[in-house]
Amino acid sequence: MIDFAQLDDLARRLSALVPPGLREGRDELQENFKAVLRGGLGKLDLVTREEFDVQRAVLLRTREKVEQLQRTLAELEAQLDAPRH
């Protein structure tokens, strides 16, 4: 999930960079920064950490199965190539 507290902090830091002559609209500018950041992040195709961890575990299990199948295939190929008596 998106941590909106961090977005708020980033918006505050961005508004603090505004030149002193423009500071009277600082609160409005800070809200605009937040809206732009949230809108931009909302368009990204993001997953939660939990979803990421689940998919990572699935990938690791799949990799283990593929490696086992490769070993089994190599053994079978070796048996086929072995001279028959």
PDB file of N, CA and C in Angstrom:
ATOM      1  N   MET A   1       0.834  -1.185   0.000  1.00  0.00           N
ATOM      2  CA  MET A   1       0.000   0.000   0.000  1.00  0.00           C
ATOM      3  C   MET A   1       0.882   1.253   0.000  1.00  0.00           C
ATOM      4  N   ILE A   2       0.299   2.313  -0.465  1.00  0.00           N
ATOM      5  CA  ILE A   2       1.000   3.590  -0.495  1.00  0.00           C
ATOM      6  C   ILE A   2       0.925   4.216   0.894  1.00  0.00           C
ATOM      7  N   ASP A   3       2.060   4.652   1.401  1.00  0.00           N
ATOM      8  CA  ASP A   3       2.101   5.287   2.720  1.00  0.00           C
ATOM      9  C   ASP A   3       1.814   6.780   2.532  1.00  0.00           C
ATOM     10  N   PHE A   4       0.572   7.162   2.819  1.00  0.00           N
ATOM     11  CA  PHE A   4       0.179   8.558   2.607  1.00  0.00           C
ATOM     12  C   PHE A   4       0.884   9.512   3.565  1.00  0.00           C
ATOM     13  N   ALA A   5       1.336   9.031   4.706  1.00  0.00           N
ATOM     14  CA  ALA A   5       2.093   9.892   5.622  1.00  0.00           C
ATOM     15  C   ALA A   5       3.408  10.307   4.966  1.00  0.00           C
ATOM     16  N   GLN A   6       4.031   9.383   4.238  1.00  0.00           N
ATOM     17  CA  GLN A   6       5.267   9.730   3.536  1.00  0.00           C
ATOM     18  C   GLN A   6       4.987  10.700   2.395  1.00  0.00           C
ATOM     19  N   LEU A   7       3.835  10.524   1.724  1.00  0.00           N
ATOM     20  CA  LEU A   7       3.468  11.473   0.668  1.00  0.00           C
ATOM     21  C   LEU A   7       3.246  12.862   1.250  1.00  0.00           C
ATOM     22  N   ASP A   8       2.587  12.924   2.392  1.00  0.00           N
ATOM     23  CA  ASP A   8       2.372  14.219   3.049  1.00  0.00           C
ATOM     24  C   ASP A   8       3.701  14.865   3.407  1.00  0.00           C
ATOM     25  N   ASP A   9       4.637  14.068   3.919  1.00  0.00           N
ATOM     26  CA  ASP A   9       5.958  14.585   4.279  1.00  0.00           C
ATOM     27  C   ASP A   9       6.679  15.092   3.032  1.00  0.00           C
ATOM     28  N   LEU A  10       6.602  14.337   1.952  1.00  0.00           N
ATOM     29  CA  LEU A  10       7.245  14.757   0.711  1.00  0.00           C
ATOM     30  C   LEU A  10       6.616  16.045   0.191  1.00  0.00           C
ATOM     31  N   ALA A  11       5.305  16.154   0.267  1.00  0.00           N
ATOM     32  CA  ALA A  11       4.622  17.378  -0.169  1.00  0.00           C
ATOM     33  C   ALA A  11       5.050  18.568   0.685  1.00  0.00           C
ATOM     34  N   ARG A  12       5.195  18.356   2.003  1.00  0.00           N
ATOM     35  CA  ARG A  12       5.670  19.442   2.885  1.00  0.00           C
ATOM     36  C   ARG A  12       7.081  19.873   2.494  1.00  0.00           C
ATOM     37  N   ARG A  13       7.935  18.893   2.227  1.00  0.00           N
ATOM     38  CA  ARG A  13       9.324  19.226   1.866  1.00  0.00           C
ATOM     39  C   ARG A  13       9.368  19.960   0.528  1.00  0.00           C
ATOM     40  N   LEU A  14       8.532  19.543  -0.426  1.00  0.00           N
ATOM     41  CA  LEU A  14       8.494  20.243  -1.712  1.00  0.00           C
ATOM     42  C   LEU A  14       8.006  21.673  -1.543  1.00  0.00           C
ATOM     43  N   SER A  15       6.975  21.865  -0.722  1.00  0.00           N
ATOM     44  CA  SER A  15       6.456  23.220  -0.519  1.00  0.00           C
ATOM     45  C   SER A  15       7.465  24.099   0.220  1.00  0.00           C
ATOM     46  N   ALA A  16       8.328  23.499   1.025  1.00  0.00           N
ATOM     47  CA  ALA A  16       9.363  24.271   1.727  1.00  0.00           C
ATOM     48  C   ALA A  16      10.418  24.792   0.760  1.00  0.00           C
ATOM     49  N   LEU A  17      10.525  24.195  -0.408  1.00  0.00           N
ATOM     50  CA  LEU A  17      11.500  24.627  -1.407  1.00  0.00           C
ATOM     51  C   LEU A  17      11.021  25.819  -2.231  1.00  0.00           C
ATOM     52  N   VAL A  18       9.769  26.185  -2.056  1.00  0.00           N
ATOM     53  CA  VAL A  18       9.196  27.296  -2.813  1.00  0.00           C
ATOM     54  C   VAL A  18       9.861  28.605  -2.367  1.00  0.00           C
ATOM     55  N   PRO A  19      10.207  29.466  -3.318  1.00  0.00           N
ATOM     56  CA  PRO A  19      10.833  30.753  -2.963  1.00  0.00           C
ATOM     57  C   PRO A  19       9.962  31.562  -2.001  1.00  0.00           C
ATOM     58  N   PRO A  20      10.602  32.345  -1.145  1.00  0.00           N
ATOM     59  CA  PRO A  20       9.870  33.110  -0.116  1.00  0.00           C
ATOM     60  C   PRO A  20       8.745  33.984  -0.668  1.00  0.00           C
ATOM     61  N   GLY A  21       8.901  34.522  -1.851  1.00  0.00           N
ATOM     62  CA  GLY A  21       7.875  35.392  -2.427  1.00  0.00           C
ATOM     63  C   GLY A  21       6.582  34.670  -2.740  1.00  0.00           C
ATOM     64  N   LEU A  22       6.621  33.367  -2.857  1.00  0.00           N
ATOM     65  CA  LEU A  22       5.434  32.586  -3.198  1.00  0.00           C
ATOM     66  C   LEU A  22       4.864  31.825  -2.010  1.00  0.00           C
ATOM     67  N   ARG A  23       5.398  32.046  -0.851  1.00  0.00           N
ATOM     68  CA  ARG A  23       5.021  31.247   0.324  1.00  0.00           C
ATOM     69  C   ARG A  23       3.600  31.497   0.826  1.00  0.00           C
ATOM     70  N   GLU A  24       2.975  32.642   0.429  1.00  0.00           N
ATOM     71  CA  GLU A  24       1.629  32.902   0.934  1.00  0.00           C
ATOM     72  C   GLU A  24       0.641  31.845   0.444  1.00  0.00           C
ATOM     73  N   GLY A  25       0.907  31.209  -0.660  1.00  0.00           N
ATOM     74  CA  GLY A  25       0.043  30.150  -1.160  1.00  0.00           C
ATOM     75  C   GLY A  25       0.604  28.770  -0.837  1.00  0.00           C
ATOM     76  N   ARG A  26       1.427  28.705   0.192  1.00  0.00           N
ATOM     77  CA  ARG A  26       2.145  27.470   0.526  1.00  0.00           C
ATOM     78  C   ARG A  26       1.207  26.307   0.859  1.00  0.00           C
ATOM     79  N   ASP A  27       0.169  26.548   1.654  1.00  0.00           N
ATOM     80  CA  ASP A  27      -0.758  25.477   2.023  1.00  0.00           C
ATOM     81  C   ASP A  27      -1.464  24.920   0.786  1.00  0.00           C
ATOM     82  N   GLU A  28      -1.904  25.827  -0.081  1.00  0.00           N
ATOM     83  CA  GLU A  28      -2.569  25.401  -1.306  1.00  0.00           C
ATOM     84  C   GLU A  28      -1.589  24.630  -2.194  1.00  0.00           C
ATOM     85  N   LEU A  29      -0.370  25.125  -2.266  1.00  0.00           N
ATOM     86  CA  LEU A  29       0.651  24.461  -3.063  1.00  0.00           C
ATOM     87  C   LEU A  29       0.952  23.071  -2.505  1.00  0.00           C
ATOM     88  N   GLN A  30       1.007  22.960  -1.191  1.00  0.00           N
ATOM     89  CA  GLN A  30       1.262  21.675  -0.546  1.00  0.00           C
ATOM     90  C   GLN A  30       0.145  20.683  -0.883  1.00  0.00           C
ATOM     91  N   GLU A  31      -1.089  21.139  -0.853  1.00  0.00           N
ATOM     92  CA  GLU A  31      -2.225  20.275  -1.213  1.00  0.00           C
ATOM     93  C   GLU A  31      -2.150  19.866  -2.680  1.00  0.00           C
ATOM     94  N   ASN A  32      -1.719  20.787  -3.540  1.00  0.00           N
ATOM     95  CA  ASN A  32      -1.565  20.462  -4.958  1.00  0.00           C
ATOM     96  C   ASN A  32      -0.462  19.416  -5.150  1.00  0.00           C
ATOM     97  N   PHE A  33       0.643  19.575  -4.420  1.00  0.00           N
ATOM     98  CA  PHE A  33       1.717  18.579  -4.490  1.00  0.00           C
ATOM     99  C   PHE A  33       1.186  17.198  -4.092  1.00  0.00           C
ATOM    100  N   LYS A  34       0.414  17.159  -2.997  1.00  0.00           N
ATOM    101  CA  LYS A  34      -0.143  15.884  -2.531  1.00  0.00           C
ATOM    102  C   LYS A  34      -1.044  15.264  -3.594  1.00  0.00           C
ATOM    103  N   ALA A  35      -1.882  16.086  -4.183  1.00  0.00           N
ATOM    104  CA  ALA A  35      -2.820  15.584  -5.194  1.00  0.00           C
ATOM    105  C   ALA A  35      -2.066  15.031  -6.406  1.00  0.00           C
ATOM    106  N   VAL A  36      -1.038  15.744  -6.831  1.00  0.00           N
ATOM    107  CA  VAL A  36      -0.254  15.286  -7.984  1.00  0.00           C
ATOM    108  C   VAL A  36       0.475  13.986  -7.649  1.00  0.00           C
ATOM    109  N   LEU A  37       1.074  13.917  -6.470  1.00  0.00           N
ATOM    110  CA  LEU A  37       1.786  12.702  -6.073  1.00  0.00           C
ATOM    111  C   LEU A  37       0.838  11.514  -5.972  1.00  0.00           C
ATOM    112  N   ARG A  38      -0.302  11.712  -5.335  1.00  0.00           N
ATOM    113  CA  ARG A  38      -1.275  10.616  -5.201  1.00  0.00           C
ATOM    114  C   ARG A  38      -1.805  10.192  -6.562  1.00  0.00           C
ATOM    115  N   GLY A  39      -2.086  11.170  -7.413  1.00  0.00           N
ATOM    116  CA  GLY A  39      -2.587  10.858  -8.747  1.00  0.00           C
ATOM    117  C   GLY A  39      -1.567  10.079  -9.564  1.00  0.00           C
ATOM    118  N   GLY A  40      -0.322  10.518  -9.499  1.00  0.00           N
ATOM    119  CA  GLY A  40       0.741   9.823 -10.235  1.00  0.00           C
ATOM    120  C   GLY A  40       0.966   8.418  -9.732  1.00  0.00           C
ATOM    121  N   LEU A  41       0.998   8.258  -8.421  1.00  0.00           N
ATOM    122  CA  LEU A  41       1.189   6.924  -7.854  1.00  0.00           C
ATOM    123  C   LEU A  41      -0.028   6.034  -8.083  1.00  0.00           C
ATOM    124  N   GLY A  42      -1.198   6.643  -8.118  1.00  0.00           N
ATOM    125  CA  GLY A  42      -2.413   5.877  -8.356  1.00  0.00           C
ATOM    126  C   GLY A  42      -2.460   5.272  -9.743  1.00  0.00           C
ATOM    127  N   LYS A  43      -1.755   5.883 -10.692  1.00  0.00           N
ATOM    128  CA  LYS A  43      -1.723   5.376 -12.067  1.00  0.00           C
ATOM    129  C   LYS A  43      -0.743   4.221 -12.241  1.00  0.00           C
ATOM    130  N   LEU A  44       0.145   4.062 -11.285  1.00  0.00           N
ATOM    131  CA  LEU A  44       1.135   2.988 -11.382  1.00  0.00           C
ATOM    132  C   LEU A  44       0.487   1.652 -11.067  1.00  0.00           C
ATOM    133  N   ASP A  45       1.002   0.630 -11.691  1.00  0.00           N
ATOM    134  CA  ASP A  45       0.497  -0.724 -11.464  1.00  0.00           C
ATOM    135  C   ASP A  45       1.298  -1.335 -10.319  1.00  0.00           C
ATOM    136  N   LEU A  46       0.890  -1.015  -9.088  1.00  0.00           N
ATOM    137  CA  LEU A  46       1.621  -1.445  -7.905  1.00  0.00           C
ATOM    138  C   LEU A  46       0.910  -2.604  -7.217  1.00  0.00           C
ATOM    139  N   VAL A  47       1.671  -3.414  -6.511  1.00  0.00           N
ATOM    140  CA  VAL A  47       1.099  -4.491  -5.703  1.00  0.00           C
ATOM    141  C   VAL A  47       1.495  -4.262  -4.249  1.00  0.00           C
ATOM    142  N   THR A  48       0.738  -4.883  -3.363  1.00  0.00           N
ATOM    143  CA  THR A  48       1.076  -4.760  -1.948  1.00  0.00           C
ATOM    144  C   THR A  48       2.286  -5.637  -1.653  1.00  0.00           C
ATOM    145  N   ARG A  49       2.903  -5.393  -0.543  1.00  0.00           N
ATOM    146  CA  ARG A  49       4.052  -6.202  -0.124  1.00  0.00           C
ATOM    147  C   ARG A  49       3.629  -7.659   0.051  1.00  0.00           C
ATOM    148  N   GLU A  50       2.429  -7.860   0.607  1.00  0.00           N
ATOM    149  CA  GLU A  50       1.925  -9.221   0.811  1.00  0.00           C
ATOM    150  C   GLU A  50       1.774  -9.948  -0.530  1.00  0.00           C
ATOM    151  N   GLU A  51       1.201  -9.274  -1.528  1.00  0.00           N
ATOM    152  CA  GLU A  51       1.056  -9.887  -2.857  1.00  0.00           C
ATOM    153  C   GLU A  51       2.421 -10.210  -3.455  1.00  0.00           C
ATOM    154  N   PHE A  52       3.364  -9.292  -3.277  1.00  0.00           N
ATOM    155  CA  PHE A  52       4.718  -9.508  -3.784  1.00  0.00           C
ATOM    156  C   PHE A  52       5.345 -10.734  -3.128  1.00  0.00           C
ATOM    157  N   ASP A  53       5.225 -10.837  -1.807  1.00  0.00           N
ATOM    158  CA  ASP A  53       5.813 -11.965  -1.079  1.00  0.00           C
ATOM    159  C   ASP A  53       5.187 -13.290  -1.498  1.00  0.00           C
ATOM    160  N   VAL A  54       3.874 -13.304  -1.721  1.00  0.00           N
ATOM    161  CA  VAL A  54       3.197 -14.530  -2.171  1.00  0.00           C
ATOM    162  C   VAL A  54       3.729 -14.945  -3.540  1.00  0.00           C
ATOM    163  N   GLN A  55       3.832 -13.993  -4.450  1.00  0.00           N
ATOM    164  CA  GLN A  55       4.319 -14.321  -5.794  1.00  0.00           C
ATOM    165  C   GLN A  55       5.788 -14.745  -5.768  1.00  0.00           C
ATOM    166  N   ARG A  56       6.557 -14.163  -4.890  1.00  0.00           N
ATOM    167  CA  ARG A  56       7.963 -14.545  -4.748  1.00  0.00           C
ATOM    168  C   ARG A  56       8.065 -16.001  -4.290  1.00  0.00           C
ATOM    169  N   ALA A  57       7.223 -16.375  -3.320  1.00  0.00           N
ATOM    170  CA  ALA A  57       7.226 -17.755  -2.822  1.00  0.00           C
ATOM    171  C   ALA A  57       6.814 -18.719  -3.929  1.00  0.00           C
ATOM    172  N   VAL A  58       5.812 -18.343  -4.713  1.00  0.00           N
ATOM    173  CA  VAL A  58       5.379 -19.187  -5.837  1.00  0.00           C
ATOM    174  C   VAL A  58       6.524 -19.351  -6.828  1.00  0.00           C
ATOM    175  N   LEU A  59       7.210 -18.268  -7.124  1.00  0.00           N
ATOM    176  CA  LEU A  59       8.332 -18.325  -8.061  1.00  0.00           C
ATOM    177  C   LEU A  59       9.449 -19.227  -7.538  1.00  0.00           C
ATOM    178  N   LEU A  60       9.755 -19.128  -6.264  1.00  0.00           N
ATOM    179  CA  LEU A  60      10.806 -19.975  -5.685  1.00  0.00           C
ATOM    180  C   LEU A  60      10.430 -21.448  -5.763  1.00  0.00           C
ATOM    181  N   ARG A  61       9.170 -21.773  -5.447  1.00  0.00           N
ATOM    182  CA  ARG A  61       8.724 -23.168  -5.549  1.00  0.00           C
ATOM    183  C   ARG A  61       8.781 -23.648  -6.997  1.00  0.00           C
ATOM    184  N   THR A  62       8.381 -22.805  -7.922  1.00  0.00           N
ATOM    185  CA  THR A  62       8.417 -23.164  -9.338  1.00  0.00           C
ATOM    186  C   THR A  62       9.854 -23.395  -9.794  1.00  0.00           C
ATOM    187  N   ARG A  63      10.751 -22.533  -9.369  1.00  0.00           N
ATOM    188  CA  ARG A  63      12.164 -22.689  -9.728  1.00  0.00           C
ATOM    189  C   ARG A  63      12.708 -24.016  -9.201  1.00  0.00           C
ATOM    190  N   GLU A  64      12.359 -24.362  -7.963  1.00  0.00           N
ATOM    191  CA  GLU A  64      12.808 -25.640  -7.387  1.00  0.00           C
ATOM    192  C   GLU A  64      12.278 -26.817  -8.197  1.00  0.00           C
ATOM    193  N   LYS A  65      11.013 -26.749  -8.625  1.00  0.00           N
ATOM    194  CA  LYS A  65      10.427 -27.823  -9.423  1.00  0.00           C
ATOM    195  C   LYS A  65      11.118 -27.933 -10.783  1.00  0.00           C
ATOM    196  N   VAL A  66      11.402 -26.804 -11.400  1.00  0.00           N
ATOM    197  CA  VAL A  66      12.081 -26.806 -12.698  1.00  0.00           C
ATOM    198  C   VAL A  66      13.471 -27.417 -12.556  1.00  0.00           C
ATOM    199  N   GLU A  67      14.189 -27.025 -11.507  1.00  0.00           N
ATOM    200  CA  GLU A  67      15.531 -27.588 -11.292  1.00  0.00           C
ATOM    201  C   GLU A  67      15.464 -29.097 -11.072  1.00  0.00           C
ATOM    202  N   GLN A  68      14.454 -29.551 -10.320  1.00  0.00           N
ATOM    203  CA  GLN A  68      14.297 -30.992 -10.108  1.00  0.00           C
ATOM    204  C   GLN A  68      13.972 -31.694 -11.419  1.00  0.00           C
ATOM    205  N   LEU A  69      13.117 -31.122 -12.224  1.00  0.00           N
ATOM    206  CA  LEU A  69      12.792 -31.706 -13.527  1.00  0.00           C
ATOM    207  C   LEU A  69      14.010 -31.751 -14.446  1.00  0.00           C
ATOM    208  N   GLN A  70      14.840 -30.719 -14.383  1.00  0.00           N
ATOM    209  CA  GLN A  70      16.065 -30.713 -15.191  1.00  0.00           C
ATOM    210  C   GLN A  70      17.003 -31.842 -14.761  1.00  0.00           C
ATOM    211  N   ARG A  71      17.112 -32.060 -13.452  1.00  0.00           N
ATOM    212  CA  ARG A  71      17.951 -33.155 -12.967  1.00  0.00           C
ATOM    213  C   ARG A  71      17.386 -34.511 -13.411  1.00  0.00           C
ATOM    214  N   THR A  72      16.075 -34.670 -13.282  1.00  0.00           N
ATOM    215  CA  THR A  72      15.435 -35.924 -13.697  1.00  0.00           C
ATOM    216  C   THR A  72      15.628 -36.152 -15.189  1.00  0.00           C
ATOM    217  N   LEU A  73      15.454 -35.119 -15.981  1.00  0.00           N
ATOM    218  CA  LEU A  73      15.646 -35.232 -17.429  1.00  0.00           C
ATOM    219  C   LEU A  73      17.086 -35.607 -17.753  1.00  0.00           C
ATOM    220  N   ALA A  74      18.042 -34.997 -17.087  1.00  0.00           N
ATOM    221  CA  ALA A  74      19.445 -35.321 -17.325  1.00  0.00           C
ATOM    222  C   ALA A  74      19.724 -36.784 -16.986  1.00  0.00           C
ATOM    223  N   GLU A  75      19.126 -37.282 -15.895  1.00  0.00           N
ATOM    224  CA  GLU A  75      19.301 -38.690 -15.522  1.00  0.00           C
ATOM    225  C   GLU A  75      18.707 -39.612 -16.576  1.00  0.00           C
ATOM    226  N   LEU A  76      17.526 -39.270 -17.057  1.00  0.00           N
ATOM    227  CA  LEU A  76      16.885 -40.092 -18.087  1.00  0.00           C
ATOM    228  C   LEU A  76      17.682 -40.081 -19.391  1.00  0.00           C
ATOM    229  N   GLU A  77      18.191 -38.926 -19.749  1.00  0.00           N
ATOM    230  CA  GLU A  77      19.017 -38.835 -20.957  1.00  0.00           C
ATOM    231  C   GLU A  77      20.292 -39.652 -20.816  1.00  0.00           C
ATOM    232  N   ALA A  78      20.872 -39.611 -19.610  1.00  0.00           N
ATOM    233  CA  ALA A  78      22.079 -40.401 -19.360  1.00  0.00           C
ATOM    234  C   ALA A  78      21.772 -41.885 -19.479  1.00  0.00           C
ATOM    235  N   GLN A  79      20.622 -42.308 -19.006  1.00  0.00           N
ATOM    236  CA  GLN A  79      20.225 -43.720 -19.110  1.00  0.00           C
ATOM    237  C   GLN A  79      20.039 -44.118 -20.571  1.00  0.00           C
ATOM    238  N   LEU A  80      19.475 -43.238 -21.362  1.00  0.00           N
ATOM    239  CA  LEU A  80      19.280 -43.543 -22.782  1.00  0.00           C
ATOM    240  C   LEU A  80      20.607 -43.613 -23.528  1.00  0.00           C
ATOM    241  N   ASP A  81      21.556 -42.789 -23.136  1.00  0.00           N
ATOM    242  CA  ASP A  81      22.861 -42.739 -23.797  1.00  0.00           C
ATOM    243  C   ASP A  81      23.789 -43.859 -23.318  1.00  0.00           C
ATOM    244  N   ALA A  82      23.478 -44.461 -22.193  1.00  0.00           N
ATOM    245  CA  ALA A  82      24.342 -45.507 -21.633  1.00  0.00           C
ATOM    246  C   ALA A  82      24.322 -46.720 -22.559  1.00  0.00           C
ATOM    247  N   PRO A  83      25.504 -47.357 -22.700  1.00  0.00           N
ATOM    248  CA  PRO A  83      25.533 -48.548 -23.551  1.00  0.00           C
ATOM    249  C   PRO A  83      24.684 -49.664 -22.927  1.00  0.00           C
ATOM    250  N   ARG A  84      23.958 -50.353 -23.788  1.00  0.00           N
ATOM    251  CA  ARG A  84      23.079 -51.416 -23.311  1.00  0.00           C
ATOM    252  C   ARG A  84      23.772 -52.738 -23.435  1.00  0.00           C
ATOM    253  N   HIS A  85      23.645 -53.555 -22.408  1.00  0.00           N
ATOM    254  CA  HIS A  85      24.289 -54.871 -22.437  1.00  0.00           C
ATOM    255  C   HIS A  85      23.277 -55.933 -22.613  1.00  0.00           C
TER     256      HIS A  85
END
